[in-house]
Amino acid sequence: MTIVVVDDEQPIMQLCVKVLETEGHSVDGFTRPEDALERLAAGPADLLVADYRMPGVGGIELVRRARALQPDLRVVMITGHGTREVVDEAHAAGAEVVLLKPFTPGELVGTVASLSATPPAPR
């Protein structure tokens, strides 16, 4: 899979990139949502892993803009704010999975594997 990871916390972004690259995925990591949107505008990706709370363009707005660029893009939202409202908002914006921080590398790998093994839900 071609994956774009966005988290304003560089250590989290770097960990996600490293874990997913180790699994054989092609991964581009960003700490700024605007840079990720430029990447998505430049060419297709299979999956976006996006943090919920970031300065500037937040995760929900990022997902909306990303799906406008690539309607078939699969989305995993990561967040340390796992309230029912956040989860519902992420799903409404187009995230298929909400992964709560702190998550393990195995949880990230398992989430990505489950998405790659199933077809996207109809929109």
PDB file of N, CA and C in Angstrom:
ATOM      1  N   MET A   1       0.827  -1.194   0.000  1.00  0.00           N
ATOM      2  CA  MET A   1       0.000   0.000   0.000  1.00  0.00           C
ATOM      3  C   MET A   1       0.868   1.252   0.000  1.00  0.00           C
ATOM      4  N   THR A   2       0.351   2.294  -0.574  1.00  0.00           N
ATOM      5  CA  THR A   2       0.962   3.613  -0.501  1.00  0.00           C
ATOM      6  C   THR A   2       0.217   4.375   0.589  1.00  0.00           C
ATOM      7  N   ILE A   3       0.955   4.818   1.597  1.00  0.00           N
ATOM      8  CA  ILE A   3       0.343   5.391   2.791  1.00  0.00           C
ATOM      9  C   ILE A   3       0.916   6.776   3.061  1.00  0.00           C
ATOM     10  N   VAL A   4       0.034   7.702   3.440  1.00  0.00           N
ATOM     11  CA  VAL A   4       0.429   9.038   3.883  1.00  0.00           C
ATOM     12  C   VAL A   4       0.092   9.123   5.370  1.00  0.00           C
ATOM     13  N   VAL A   5       1.099   9.467   6.186  1.00  0.00           N
ATOM     14  CA  VAL A   5       0.928   9.599   7.634  1.00  0.00           C
ATOM     15  C   VAL A   5       1.108  11.063   8.005  1.00  0.00           C
ATOM     16  N   VAL A   6       0.161  11.588   8.814  1.00  0.00           N
ATOM     17  CA  VAL A   6       0.242  12.977   9.251  1.00  0.00           C
ATOM     18  C   VAL A   6      -0.001  13.044  10.751  1.00  0.00           C
ATOM     19  N   ASP A   7       1.000  13.522  11.477  1.00  0.00           N
ATOM     20  CA  ASP A   7       0.853  13.783  12.911  1.00  0.00           C
ATOM     21  C   ASP A   7       1.800  14.922  13.243  1.00  0.00           C
ATOM     22  N   ASP A   8       1.281  15.948  13.911  1.00  0.00           N
ATOM     23  CA  ASP A   8       2.125  17.102  14.219  1.00  0.00           C
ATOM     24  C   ASP A   8       3.199  16.775  15.250  1.00  0.00           C
ATOM     25  N   GLU A   9       3.077  15.653  15.939  1.00  0.00           N
ATOM     26  CA  GLU A   9       4.117  15.209  16.859  1.00  0.00           C
ATOM     27  C   GLU A   9       5.089  14.325  16.069  1.00  0.00           C
ATOM     28  N   GLN A  10       6.265  14.888  15.778  1.00  0.00           N
ATOM     29  CA  GLN A  10       7.229  14.209  14.913  1.00  0.00           C
ATOM     30  C   GLN A  10       7.579  12.800  15.380  1.00  0.00           C
ATOM     31  N   PRO A  11       7.798  12.534  16.677  1.00  0.00           N
ATOM     32  CA  PRO A  11       8.138  11.161  17.079  1.00  0.00           C
ATOM     33  C   PRO A  11       7.033  10.146  16.734  1.00  0.00           C
ATOM     34  N   ILE A  12       5.786  10.549  16.875  1.00  0.00           N
ATOM     35  CA  ILE A  12       4.681   9.639  16.534  1.00  0.00           C
ATOM     36  C   ILE A  12       4.643   9.403  15.030  1.00  0.00           C
ATOM     37  N   MET A  13       4.773  10.485  14.252  1.00  0.00           N
ATOM     38  CA  MET A  13       4.784  10.349  12.798  1.00  0.00           C
ATOM     39  C   MET A  13       5.925   9.436  12.362  1.00  0.00           C
ATOM     40  N   GLN A  14       7.121   9.654  12.897  1.00  0.00           N
ATOM     41  CA  GLN A  14       8.280   8.850  12.508  1.00  0.00           C
ATOM     42  C   GLN A  14       8.099   7.378  12.893  1.00  0.00           C
ATOM     43  N   LEU A  15       7.528   7.126  14.060  1.00  0.00           N
ATOM     44  CA  LEU A  15       7.287   5.749  14.478  1.00  0.00           C
ATOM     45  C   LEU A  15       6.315   5.060  13.526  1.00  0.00           C
ATOM     46  N   CYS A  16       5.225   5.745  13.174  1.00  0.00           N
ATOM     47  CA  CYS A  16       4.256   5.166  12.243  1.00  0.00           C
ATOM     48  C   CYS A  16       4.903   4.860  10.897  1.00  0.00           C
ATOM     49  N   VAL A  17       5.690   5.792  10.396  1.00  0.00           N
ATOM     50  CA  VAL A  17       6.372   5.589   9.112  1.00  0.00           C
ATOM     51  C   VAL A  17       7.286   4.375   9.190  1.00  0.00           C
ATOM     52  N   LYS A  18       8.097   4.305  10.229  1.00  0.00           N
ATOM     53  CA  LYS A  18       9.050   3.199  10.371  1.00  0.00           C
ATOM     54  C   LYS A  18       8.332   1.855  10.461  1.00  0.00           C
ATOM     55  N   VAL A  19       7.299   1.786  11.284  1.00  0.00           N
ATOM     56  CA  VAL A  19       6.556   0.536  11.459  1.00  0.00           C
ATOM     57  C   VAL A  19       5.925   0.092  10.139  1.00  0.00           C
ATOM     58  N   LEU A  20       5.306   1.020   9.435  1.00  0.00           N
ATOM     59  CA  LEU A  20       4.614   0.665   8.188  1.00  0.00           C
ATOM     60  C   LEU A  20       5.599   0.342   7.063  1.00  0.00           C
ATOM     61  N   GLU A  21       6.731   1.036   7.020  1.00  0.00           N
ATOM     62  CA  GLU A  21       7.757   0.697   6.023  1.00  0.00           C
ATOM     63  C   GLU A  21       8.324  -0.692   6.290  1.00  0.00           C
ATOM     64  N   THR A  22       8.490  -1.042   7.549  1.00  0.00           N
ATOM     65  CA  THR A  22       8.987  -2.372   7.910  1.00  0.00           C
ATOM     66  C   THR A  22       8.051  -3.464   7.395  1.00  0.00           C
ATOM     67  N   GLU A  23       6.764  -3.132   7.282  1.00  0.00           N
ATOM     68  CA  GLU A  23       5.769  -4.075   6.765  1.00  0.00           C
ATOM     69  C   GLU A  23       5.718  -4.094   5.238  1.00  0.00           C
ATOM     70  N   GLY A  24       6.577  -3.303   4.590  1.00  0.00           N
ATOM     71  CA  GLY A  24       6.662  -3.319   3.135  1.00  0.00           C
ATOM     72  C   GLY A  24       5.843  -2.257   2.426  1.00  0.00           C
ATOM     73  N   HIS A  25       5.258  -1.340   3.178  1.00  0.00           N
ATOM     74  CA  HIS A  25       4.454  -0.281   2.558  1.00  0.00           C
ATOM     75  C   HIS A  25       5.345   0.879   2.126  1.00  0.00           C
ATOM     76  N   SER A  26       4.895   1.608   1.121  1.00  0.00           N
ATOM     77  CA  SER A  26       5.535   2.852   0.719  1.00  0.00           C
ATOM     78  C   SER A  26       4.864   3.961   1.526  1.00  0.00           C
ATOM     79  N   VAL A  27       5.648   4.686   2.345  1.00  0.00           N
ATOM     80  CA  VAL A  27       5.056   5.625   3.301  1.00  0.00           C
ATOM     81  C   VAL A  27       5.703   6.996   3.186  1.00  0.00           C
ATOM     82  N   ASP A  28       4.851   8.030   3.135  1.00  0.00           N
ATOM     83  CA  ASP A  28       5.296   9.417   3.207  1.00  0.00           C
ATOM     84  C   ASP A  28       4.775   9.985   4.517  1.00  0.00           C
ATOM     85  N   GLY A  29       5.661  10.566   5.328  1.00  0.00           N
ATOM     86  CA  GLY A  29       5.260  11.115   6.608  1.00  0.00           C
ATOM     87  C   GLY A  29       5.375  12.621   6.641  1.00  0.00           C
ATOM     88  N   PHE A  30       4.412  13.254   7.307  1.00  0.00           N
ATOM     89  CA  PHE A  30       4.364  14.709   7.385  1.00  0.00           C
ATOM     90  C   PHE A  30       3.951  15.145   8.791  1.00  0.00           C
ATOM     91  N   THR A  31       4.462  16.303   9.217  1.00  0.00           N
ATOM     92  CA  THR A  31       4.016  16.888  10.472  1.00  0.00           C
ATOM     93  C   THR A  31       3.048  18.042  10.224  1.00  0.00           C
ATOM     94  N   ARG A  32       2.941  18.460   8.983  1.00  0.00           N
ATOM     95  CA  ARG A  32       2.017  19.543   8.626  1.00  0.00           C
ATOM     96  C   ARG A  32       0.943  19.015   7.675  1.00  0.00           C
ATOM     97  N   PRO A  33      -0.330  19.178   8.028  1.00  0.00           N
ATOM     98  CA  PRO A  33      -1.408  18.702   7.164  1.00  0.00           C
ATOM     99  C   PRO A  33      -1.357  19.306   5.762  1.00  0.00           C
ATOM    100  N   GLU A  34      -0.925  20.556   5.670  1.00  0.00           N
ATOM    101  CA  GLU A  34      -0.860  21.208   4.361  1.00  0.00           C
ATOM    102  C   GLU A  34       0.108  20.483   3.429  1.00  0.00           C
ATOM    103  N   ASP A  35       1.220  20.001   3.979  1.00  0.00           N
ATOM    104  CA  ASP A  35       2.188  19.260   3.163  1.00  0.00           C
ATOM    105  C   ASP A  35       1.609  17.926   2.705  1.00  0.00           C
ATOM    106  N   ALA A  36       0.842  17.293   3.570  1.00  0.00           N
ATOM    107  CA  ALA A  36       0.200  16.031   3.196  1.00  0.00           C
ATOM    108  C   ALA A  36      -0.816  16.252   2.083  1.00  0.00           C
ATOM    109  N   LEU A  37      -1.549  17.353   2.146  1.00  0.00           N
ATOM    110  CA  LEU A  37      -2.522  17.650   1.089  1.00  0.00           C
ATOM    111  C   LEU A  37      -1.821  17.891  -0.248  1.00  0.00           C
ATOM    112  N   GLU A  38      -0.671  18.564  -0.216  1.00  0.00           N
ATOM    113  CA  GLU A  38       0.105  18.752  -1.451  1.00  0.00           C
ATOM    114  C   GLU A  38       0.529  17.401  -2.015  1.00  0.00           C
ATOM    115  N   ARG A  39       0.968  16.503  -1.145  1.00  0.00           N
ATOM    116  CA  ARG A  39       1.367  15.155  -1.581  1.00  0.00           C
ATOM    117  C   ARG A  39       0.189  14.412  -2.199  1.00  0.00           C
ATOM    118  N   LEU A  40      -0.973  14.495  -1.556  1.00  0.00           N
ATOM    119  CA  LEU A  40      -2.154  13.797  -2.068  1.00  0.00           C
ATOM    120  C   LEU A  40      -2.642  14.404  -3.385  1.00  0.00           C
ATOM    121  N   ALA A  41      -2.454  15.706  -3.557  1.00  0.00           N
ATOM    122  CA  ALA A  41      -2.831  16.354  -4.815  1.00  0.00           C
ATOM    123  C   ALA A  41      -1.892  15.938  -5.941  1.00  0.00           C
ATOM    124  N   ALA A  42      -0.661  15.567  -5.587  1.00  0.00           N
ATOM    125  CA  ALA A  42       0.347  15.216  -6.591  1.00  0.00           C
ATOM    126  C   ALA A  42       0.202  13.801  -7.136  1.00  0.00           C
ATOM    127  N   GLY A  43      -0.456  12.918  -6.392  1.00  0.00           N
ATOM    128  CA  GLY A  43      -0.576  11.541  -6.865  1.00  0.00           C
ATOM    129  C   GLY A  43      -1.346  10.680  -5.893  1.00  0.00           C
ATOM    130  N   PRO A  44      -1.775   9.518  -6.369  1.00  0.00           N
ATOM    131  CA  PRO A  44      -2.653   8.679  -5.555  1.00  0.00           C
ATOM    132  C   PRO A  44      -1.951   8.034  -4.360  1.00  0.00           C
ATOM    133  N   ALA A  45      -2.756   7.778  -3.352  1.00  0.00           N
ATOM    134  CA  ALA A  45      -2.345   7.012  -2.182  1.00  0.00           C
ATOM    135  C   ALA A  45      -3.490   6.054  -1.864  1.00  0.00           C
ATOM    136  N   ASP A  46      -3.176   4.991  -1.152  1.00  0.00           N
ATOM    137  CA  ASP A  46      -4.203   4.029  -0.765  1.00  0.00           C
ATOM    138  C   ASP A  46      -4.807   4.340   0.583  1.00  0.00           C
ATOM    139  N   LEU A  47      -3.992   4.937   1.478  1.00  0.00           N
ATOM    140  CA  LEU A  47      -4.414   5.100   2.863  1.00  0.00           C
ATOM    141  C   LEU A  47      -3.842   6.375   3.449  1.00  0.00           C
ATOM    142  N   LEU A  48      -4.664   7.063   4.233  1.00  0.00           N
ATOM    143  CA  LEU A  48      -4.238   8.222   5.005  1.00  0.00           C
ATOM    144  C   LEU A  48      -4.372   7.869   6.477  1.00  0.00           C
ATOM    145  N   VAL A  49      -3.289   8.045   7.232  1.00  0.00           N
ATOM    146  CA  VAL A  49      -3.311   7.918   8.686  1.00  0.00           C
ATOM    147  C   VAL A  49      -3.122   9.331   9.214  1.00  0.00           C
ATOM    148  N   ALA A  50      -4.165   9.872   9.866  1.00  0.00           N
ATOM    149  CA  ALA A  50      -4.143  11.283  10.244  1.00  0.00           C
ATOM    150  C   ALA A  50      -4.475  11.473  11.712  1.00  0.00           C
ATOM    151  N   ASP A  51      -3.724  12.347  12.358  1.00  0.00           N
ATOM    152  CA  ASP A  51      -4.005  12.723  13.738  1.00  0.00           C
ATOM    153  C   ASP A  51      -5.262  13.591  13.757  1.00  0.00           C
ATOM    154  N   TYR A  52      -6.018  13.475  14.824  1.00  0.00           N
ATOM    155  CA  TYR A  52      -7.256  14.243  14.971  1.00  0.00           C
ATOM    156  C   TYR A  52      -6.974  15.711  15.295  1.00  0.00           C
ATOM    157  N   ARG A  53      -6.110  15.947  16.266  1.00  0.00           N
ATOM    158  CA  ARG A  53      -5.884  17.313  16.748  1.00  0.00           C
ATOM    159  C   ARG A  53      -4.511  17.789  16.312  1.00  0.00           C
ATOM    160  N   MET A  54      -4.517  18.780  15.389  1.00  0.00           N
ATOM    161  CA  MET A  54      -3.280  19.389  14.912  1.00  0.00           C
ATOM    162  C   MET A  54      -3.519  20.885  14.755  1.00  0.00           C
ATOM    163  N   PRO A  55      -2.471  21.692  14.884  1.00  0.00           N
ATOM    164  CA  PRO A  55      -2.649  23.124  14.663  1.00  0.00           C
ATOM    165  C   PRO A  55      -2.914  23.416  13.190  1.00  0.00           C
ATOM    166  N   GLY A  56      -3.616  24.497  12.945  1.00  0.00           N
ATOM    167  CA  GLY A  56      -3.938  24.850  11.561  1.00  0.00           C
ATOM    168  C   GLY A  56      -5.065  23.955  11.060  1.00  0.00           C
ATOM    169  N   VAL A  57      -4.800  23.236   9.998  1.00  0.00           N
ATOM    170  CA  VAL A  57      -5.777  22.310   9.443  1.00  0.00           C
ATOM    171  C   VAL A  57      -5.846  21.102  10.376  1.00  0.00           C
ATOM    172  N   GLY A  58      -6.961  20.929  11.058  1.00  0.00           N
ATOM    173  CA  GLY A  58      -7.125  19.797  11.957  1.00  0.00           C
ATOM    174  C   GLY A  58      -7.389  18.515  11.188  1.00  0.00           C
ATOM    175  N   GLY A  59      -7.408  17.412  11.906  1.00  0.00           N
ATOM    176  CA  GLY A  59      -7.574  16.113  11.277  1.00  0.00           C
ATOM    177  C   GLY A  59      -8.876  15.943  10.520  1.00  0.00           C
ATOM    178  N   ILE A  60      -9.969  16.468  11.053  1.00  0.00           N
ATOM    179  CA  ILE A  60     -11.261  16.333  10.377  1.00  0.00           C
ATOM    180  C   ILE A  60     -11.248  17.085   9.057  1.00  0.00           C
ATOM    181  N   GLU A  61     -10.758  18.316   9.073  1.00  0.00           N
ATOM    182  CA  GLU A  61     -10.678  19.095   7.829  1.00  0.00           C
ATOM    183  C   GLU A  61      -9.708  18.437   6.846  1.00  0.00           C
ATOM    184  N   LEU A  62      -8.615  17.906   7.349  1.00  0.00           N
ATOM    185  CA  LEU A  62      -7.660  17.197   6.495  1.00  0.00           C
ATOM    186  C   LEU A  62      -8.340  16.024   5.800  1.00  0.00           C
ATOM    187  N   VAL A  63      -9.100  15.237   6.542  1.00  0.00           N
ATOM    188  CA  VAL A  63      -9.776  14.081   5.952  1.00  0.00           C
ATOM    189  C   VAL A  63     -10.771  14.534   4.885  1.00  0.00           C
ATOM    190  N   ARG A  64     -11.521  15.569   5.175  1.00  0.00           N
ATOM    191  CA  ARG A  64     -12.498  16.070   4.188  1.00  0.00           C
ATOM    192  C   ARG A  64     -11.805  16.523   2.901  1.00  0.00           C
ATOM    193  N   ARG A  65     -10.739  17.279   3.044  1.00  0.00           N
ATOM    194  CA  ARG A  65     -10.011  17.768   1.863  1.00  0.00           C
ATOM    195  C   ARG A  65      -9.333  16.614   1.118  1.00  0.00           C
ATOM    196  N   ALA A  66      -8.771  15.680   1.866  1.00  0.00           N
ATOM    197  CA  ALA A  66      -8.090  14.544   1.239  1.00  0.00           C
ATOM    198  C   ALA A  66      -9.076  13.690   0.447  1.00  0.00           C
ATOM    199  N   ARG A  67     -10.256  13.447   1.011  1.00  0.00           N
ATOM    200  CA  ARG A  67     -11.249  12.636   0.317  1.00  0.00           C
ATOM    201  C   ARG A  67     -11.840  13.387  -0.875  1.00  0.00           C
ATOM    202  N   ALA A  68     -11.824  14.720  -0.845  1.00  0.00           N
ATOM    203  CA  ALA A  68     -12.243  15.493  -2.016  1.00  0.00           C
ATOM    204  C   ALA A  68     -11.239  15.305  -3.147  1.00  0.00           C
ATOM    205  N   LEU A  69      -9.946  15.206  -2.790  1.00  0.00           N
ATOM    206  CA  LEU A  69      -8.904  14.974  -3.789  1.00  0.00           C
ATOM    207  C   LEU A  69      -8.919  13.539  -4.295  1.00  0.00           C
ATOM    208  N   GLN A  70      -9.151  12.597  -3.383  1.00  0.00           N
ATOM    209  CA  GLN A  70      -9.109  11.169  -3.703  1.00  0.00           C
ATOM    210  C   GLN A  70     -10.291  10.478  -3.008  1.00  0.00           C
ATOM    211  N   PRO A  71     -11.431  10.411  -3.672  1.00  0.00           N
ATOM    212  CA  PRO A  71     -12.644   9.881  -3.038  1.00  0.00           C
ATOM    213  C   PRO A  71     -12.518   8.446  -2.524  1.00  0.00           C
ATOM    214  N   ASP A  72     -11.648   7.638  -3.111  1.00  0.00           N
ATOM    215  CA  ASP A  72     -11.509   6.248  -2.686  1.00  0.00           C
ATOM    216  C   ASP A  72     -10.433   6.043  -1.618  1.00  0.00           C
ATOM    217  N   LEU A  73      -9.863   7.123  -1.121  1.00  0.00           N
ATOM    218  CA  LEU A  73      -8.807   7.042  -0.113  1.00  0.00           C
ATOM    219  C   LEU A  73      -9.348   6.421   1.171  1.00  0.00           C
ATOM    220  N   ARG A  74      -8.656   5.411   1.678  1.00  0.00           N
ATOM    221  CA  ARG A  74      -9.005   4.813   2.979  1.00  0.00           C
ATOM    222  C   ARG A  74      -8.403   5.697   4.056  1.00  0.00           C
ATOM    223  N   VAL A  75      -9.067   5.789   5.218  1.00  0.00           N
ATOM    224  CA  VAL A  75      -8.616   6.716   6.257  1.00  0.00           C
ATOM    225  C   VAL A  75      -8.653   6.059   7.633  1.00  0.00           C
ATOM    226  N   VAL A  76      -7.539   6.209   8.348  1.00  0.00           N
ATOM    227  CA  VAL A  76      -7.454   5.856   9.767  1.00  0.00           C
ATOM    228  C   VAL A  76      -7.181   7.155  10.522  1.00  0.00           C
ATOM    229  N   MET A  77      -8.030   7.472  11.485  1.00  0.00           N
ATOM    230  CA  MET A  77      -7.820   8.648  12.336  1.00  0.00           C
ATOM    231  C   MET A  77      -7.174   8.158  13.628  1.00  0.00           C
ATOM    232  N   ILE A  78      -6.105   8.836  14.045  1.00  0.00           N
ATOM    233  CA  ILE A  78      -5.473   8.507  15.325  1.00  0.00           C
ATOM    234  C   ILE A  78      -5.715   9.670  16.279  1.00  0.00           C
ATOM    235  N   THR A  79      -5.998   9.332  17.533  1.00  0.00           N
ATOM    236  CA  THR A  79      -6.316  10.398  18.478  1.00  0.00           C
ATOM    237  C   THR A  79      -6.082   9.971  19.916  1.00  0.00           C
ATOM    238  N   GLY A  80      -5.727  10.932  20.717  1.00  0.00           N
ATOM    239  CA  GLY A  80      -5.652  10.732  22.152  1.00  0.00           C
ATOM    240  C   GLY A  80      -6.927  11.205  22.832  1.00  0.00           C
ATOM    241  N   HIS A  81      -7.900  11.617  22.026  1.00  0.00           N
ATOM    242  CA  HIS A  81      -9.159  12.170  22.532  1.00  0.00           C
ATOM    243  C   HIS A  81     -10.305  11.282  22.061  1.00  0.00           C
ATOM    244  N   GLY A  82     -10.398  10.099  22.643  1.00  0.00           N
ATOM    245  CA  GLY A  82     -11.329   9.091  22.147  1.00  0.00           C
ATOM    246  C   GLY A  82     -12.736   9.169  22.697  1.00  0.00           C
ATOM    247  N   THR A  83     -13.298  10.367  22.743  1.00  0.00           N
ATOM    248  CA  THR A  83     -14.680  10.481  23.183  1.00  0.00           C
ATOM    249  C   THR A  83     -15.614  10.001  22.081  1.00  0.00           C
ATOM    250  N   ARG A  84     -16.823   9.678  22.437  1.00  0.00           N
ATOM    251  CA  ARG A  84     -17.823   9.245  21.448  1.00  0.00           C
ATOM    252  C   ARG A  84     -18.013  10.326  20.388  1.00  0.00           C
ATOM    253  N   GLU A  85     -17.993  11.600  20.786  1.00  0.00           N
ATOM    254  CA  GLU A  85     -18.180  12.692  19.834  1.00  0.00           C
ATOM    255  C   GLU A  85     -17.046  12.738  18.804  1.00  0.00           C
ATOM    256  N   VAL A  86     -15.813  12.551  19.275  1.00  0.00           N
ATOM    257  CA  VAL A  86     -14.658  12.554  18.368  1.00  0.00           C
ATOM    258  C   VAL A  86     -14.758  11.389  17.388  1.00  0.00           C
ATOM    259  N   VAL A  87     -15.078  10.219  17.905  1.00  0.00           N
ATOM    260  CA  VAL A  87     -15.195   9.034  17.043  1.00  0.00           C
ATOM    261  C   VAL A  87     -16.302   9.235  16.010  1.00  0.00           C
ATOM    262  N   ASP A  88     -17.446   9.742  16.438  1.00  0.00           N
ATOM    263  CA  ASP A  88     -18.550   9.982  15.503  1.00  0.00           C
ATOM    264  C   ASP A  88     -18.175  11.020  14.454  1.00  0.00           C
ATOM    265  N   GLU A  89     -17.494  12.093  14.879  1.00  0.00           N
ATOM    266  CA  GLU A  89     -17.066  13.136  13.948  1.00  0.00           C
ATOM    267  C   GLU A  89     -16.074  12.580  12.923  1.00  0.00           C
ATOM    268  N   ALA A  90     -15.148  11.752  13.376  1.00  0.00           N
ATOM    269  CA  ALA A  90     -14.163  11.155  12.470  1.00  0.00           C
ATOM    270  C   ALA A  90     -14.843  10.244  11.455  1.00  0.00           C
ATOM    271  N   HIS A  91     -15.783   9.425  11.910  1.00  0.00           N
ATOM    272  CA  HIS A  91     -16.507   8.544  10.984  1.00  0.00           C
ATOM    273  C   HIS A  91     -17.327   9.357   9.981  1.00  0.00           C
ATOM    274  N   ALA A  92     -17.973  10.415  10.450  1.00  0.00           N
ATOM    275  CA  ALA A  92     -18.777  11.257   9.554  1.00  0.00           C
ATOM    276  C   ALA A  92     -17.913  11.936   8.492  1.00  0.00           C
ATOM    277  N   ALA A  93     -16.676  12.268   8.839  1.00  0.00           N
ATOM    278  CA  ALA A  93     -15.768  12.916   7.887  1.00  0.00           C
ATOM    279  C   ALA A  93     -15.202  11.935   6.862  1.00  0.00           C
ATOM    280  N   GLY A  94     -15.283  10.631   7.163  1.00  0.00           N
ATOM    281  CA  GLY A  94     -14.786   9.648   6.209  1.00  0.00           C
ATOM    282  C   GLY A  94     -13.750   8.685   6.743  1.00  0.00           C
ATOM    283  N   ALA A  95     -13.410   8.790   8.024  1.00  0.00           N
ATOM    284  CA  ALA A  95     -12.465   7.831   8.602  1.00  0.00           C
ATOM    285  C   ALA A  95     -13.177   6.500   8.812  1.00  0.00           C
ATOM    286  N   GLU A  96     -12.540   5.426   8.379  1.00  0.00           N
ATOM    287  CA  GLU A  96     -13.119   4.098   8.562  1.00  0.00           C
ATOM    288  C   GLU A  96     -12.798   3.530   9.924  1.00  0.00           C
ATOM    289  N   VAL A  97     -11.631   3.906  10.456  1.00  0.00           N
ATOM    290  CA  VAL A  97     -11.177   3.391  11.743  1.00  0.00           C
ATOM    291  C   VAL A  97     -10.641   4.553  12.565  1.00  0.00           C
ATOM    292  N   VAL A  98     -10.920   4.533  13.862  1.00  0.00           N
ATOM    293  CA  VAL A  98     -10.326   5.480  14.798  1.00  0.00           C
ATOM    294  C   VAL A  98      -9.457   4.669  15.744  1.00  0.00           C
ATOM    295  N   LEU A  99      -8.169   4.969  15.737  1.00  0.00           N
ATOM    296  CA  LEU A  99      -7.195   4.254  16.559  1.00  0.00           C
ATOM    297  C   LEU A  99      -6.777   5.171  17.701  1.00  0.00           C
ATOM    298  N   LEU A 100      -6.981   4.692  18.926  1.00  0.00           N
ATOM    299  CA  LEU A 100      -6.716   5.525  20.100  1.00  0.00           C
ATOM    300  C   LEU A 100      -5.256   5.471  20.525  1.00  0.00           C
ATOM    301  N   LYS A 101      -4.698   6.656  20.807  1.00  0.00           N
ATOM    302  CA  LYS A 101      -3.348   6.768  21.354  1.00  0.00           C
ATOM    303  C   LYS A 101      -3.417   6.510  22.851  1.00  0.00           C
ATOM    304  N   PRO A 102      -2.434   5.909  23.433  1.00  0.00           N
ATOM    305  CA  PRO A 102      -1.269   5.316  22.772  1.00  0.00           C
ATOM    306  C   PRO A 102      -1.639   3.953  22.194  1.00  0.00           C
ATOM    307  N   PHE A 103      -1.227   3.724  20.962  1.00  0.00           N
ATOM    308  CA  PHE A 103      -1.441   2.429  20.326  1.00  0.00           C
ATOM    309  C   PHE A 103      -0.095   1.756  20.143  1.00  0.00           C
ATOM    310  N   THR A 104      -0.122   0.452  20.009  1.00  0.00           N
ATOM    311  CA  THR A 104       1.116  -0.295  19.814  1.00  0.00           C
ATOM    312  C   THR A 104       1.416  -0.401  18.321  1.00  0.00           C
ATOM    313  N   PRO A 105       2.671  -0.658  17.970  1.00  0.00           N
ATOM    314  CA  PRO A 105       2.970  -0.907  16.560  1.00  0.00           C
ATOM    315  C   PRO A 105       2.107  -2.044  16.000  1.00  0.00           C
ATOM    316  N   GLY A 106       1.869  -3.070  16.801  1.00  0.00           N
ATOM    317  CA  GLY A 106       1.040  -4.184  16.342  1.00  0.00           C
ATOM    318  C   GLY A 106      -0.386  -3.770  16.042  1.00  0.00           C
ATOM    319  N   GLU A 107      -0.924  -2.858  16.845  1.00  0.00           N
ATOM    320  CA  GLU A 107      -2.287  -2.372  16.582  1.00  0.00           C
ATOM    321  C   GLU A 107      -2.345  -1.590  15.271  1.00  0.00           C
ATOM    322  N   LEU A 108      -1.324  -0.775  15.007  1.00  0.00           N
ATOM    323  CA  LEU A 108      -1.272  -0.026  13.755  1.00  0.00           C
ATOM    324  C   LEU A 108      -1.163  -0.978  12.575  1.00  0.00           C
ATOM    325  N   VAL A 109      -0.255  -1.933  12.661  1.00  0.00           N
ATOM    326  CA  VAL A 109      -0.067  -2.909  11.583  1.00  0.00           C
ATOM    327  C   VAL A 109      -1.356  -3.700  11.358  1.00  0.00           C
ATOM    328  N   GLY A 110      -1.991  -4.142  12.422  1.00  0.00           N
ATOM    329  CA  GLY A 110      -3.224  -4.901  12.301  1.00  0.00           C
ATOM    330  C   GLY A 110      -4.349  -4.098  11.677  1.00  0.00           C
ATOM    331  N   THR A 111      -4.455  -2.838  12.034  1.00  0.00           N
ATOM    332  CA  THR A 111      -5.480  -1.964  11.466  1.00  0.00           C
ATOM    333  C   THR A 111      -5.266  -1.790   9.976  1.00  0.00           C
ATOM    334  N   VAL A 112      -4.039  -1.520   9.579  1.00  0.00           N
ATOM    335  CA  VAL A 112      -3.723  -1.338   8.154  1.00  0.00           C
ATOM    336  C   VAL A 112      -3.961  -2.642   7.395  1.00  0.00           C
ATOM    337  N   ALA A 113      -3.551  -3.756   7.979  1.00  0.00           N
ATOM    338  CA  ALA A 113      -3.756  -5.054   7.315  1.00  0.00           C
ATOM    339  C   ALA A 113      -5.235  -5.347   7.135  1.00  0.00           C
ATOM    340  N   SER A 114      -6.045  -5.038   8.134  1.00  0.00           N
ATOM    341  CA  SER A 114      -7.478  -5.319   8.008  1.00  0.00           C
ATOM    342  C   SER A 114      -8.118  -4.444   6.941  1.00  0.00           C
ATOM    343  N   LEU A 115      -7.669  -3.203   6.808  1.00  0.00           N
ATOM    344  CA  LEU A 115      -8.208  -2.341   5.755  1.00  0.00           C
ATOM    345  C   LEU A 115      -7.775  -2.803   4.371  1.00  0.00           C
ATOM    346  N   SER A 116      -6.532  -3.257   4.263  1.00  0.00           N
ATOM    347  CA  SER A 116      -6.053  -3.687   2.946  1.00  0.00           C
ATOM    348  C   SER A 116      -6.710  -4.994   2.505  1.00  0.00           C
ATOM    349  N   ALA A 117      -7.242  -5.745   3.478  1.00  0.00           N
ATOM    350  CA  ALA A 117      -7.876  -7.042   3.161  1.00  0.00           C
ATOM    351  C   ALA A 117      -9.370  -6.923   2.874  1.00  0.00           C
ATOM    352  N   THR A 118      -9.939  -5.742   3.129  1.00  0.00           N
ATOM    353  CA  THR A 118     -11.370  -5.583   2.913  1.00  0.00           C
ATOM    354  C   THR A 118     -11.638  -4.456   1.929  1.00  0.00           C
ATOM    355  N   PRO A 119     -12.702  -4.582   1.146  1.00  0.00           N
ATOM    356  CA  PRO A 119     -13.027  -3.491   0.223  1.00  0.00           C
ATOM    357  C   PRO A 119     -13.566  -2.285   0.994  1.00  0.00           C
ATOM    358  N   PRO A 120     -13.405  -1.099   0.444  1.00  0.00           N
ATOM    359  CA  PRO A 120     -13.950   0.080   1.121  1.00  0.00           C
ATOM    360  C   PRO A 120     -15.467   0.021   1.174  1.00  0.00           C
ATOM    361  N   ALA A 121     -16.016   0.621   2.220  1.00  0.00           N
ATOM    362  CA  ALA A 121     -17.470   0.694   2.330  1.00  0.00           C
ATOM    363  C   ALA A 121     -17.997   1.644   1.260  1.00  0.00           C
ATOM    364  N   PRO A 122     -19.165   1.362   0.709  1.00  0.00           N
ATOM    365  CA  PRO A 122     -19.720   2.271  -0.301  1.00  0.00           C
ATOM    366  C   PRO A 122     -19.985   3.648   0.291  1.00  0.00           C
ATOM    367  N   ARG A 123     -19.741   4.666  -0.500  1.00  0.00           N
ATOM    368  CA  ARG A 123     -19.939   6.052  -0.034  1.00  0.00           C
ATOM    369  C   ARG A 123     -21.200   6.606  -0.619  1.00  0.00           C
TER     370      ARG A 123
END
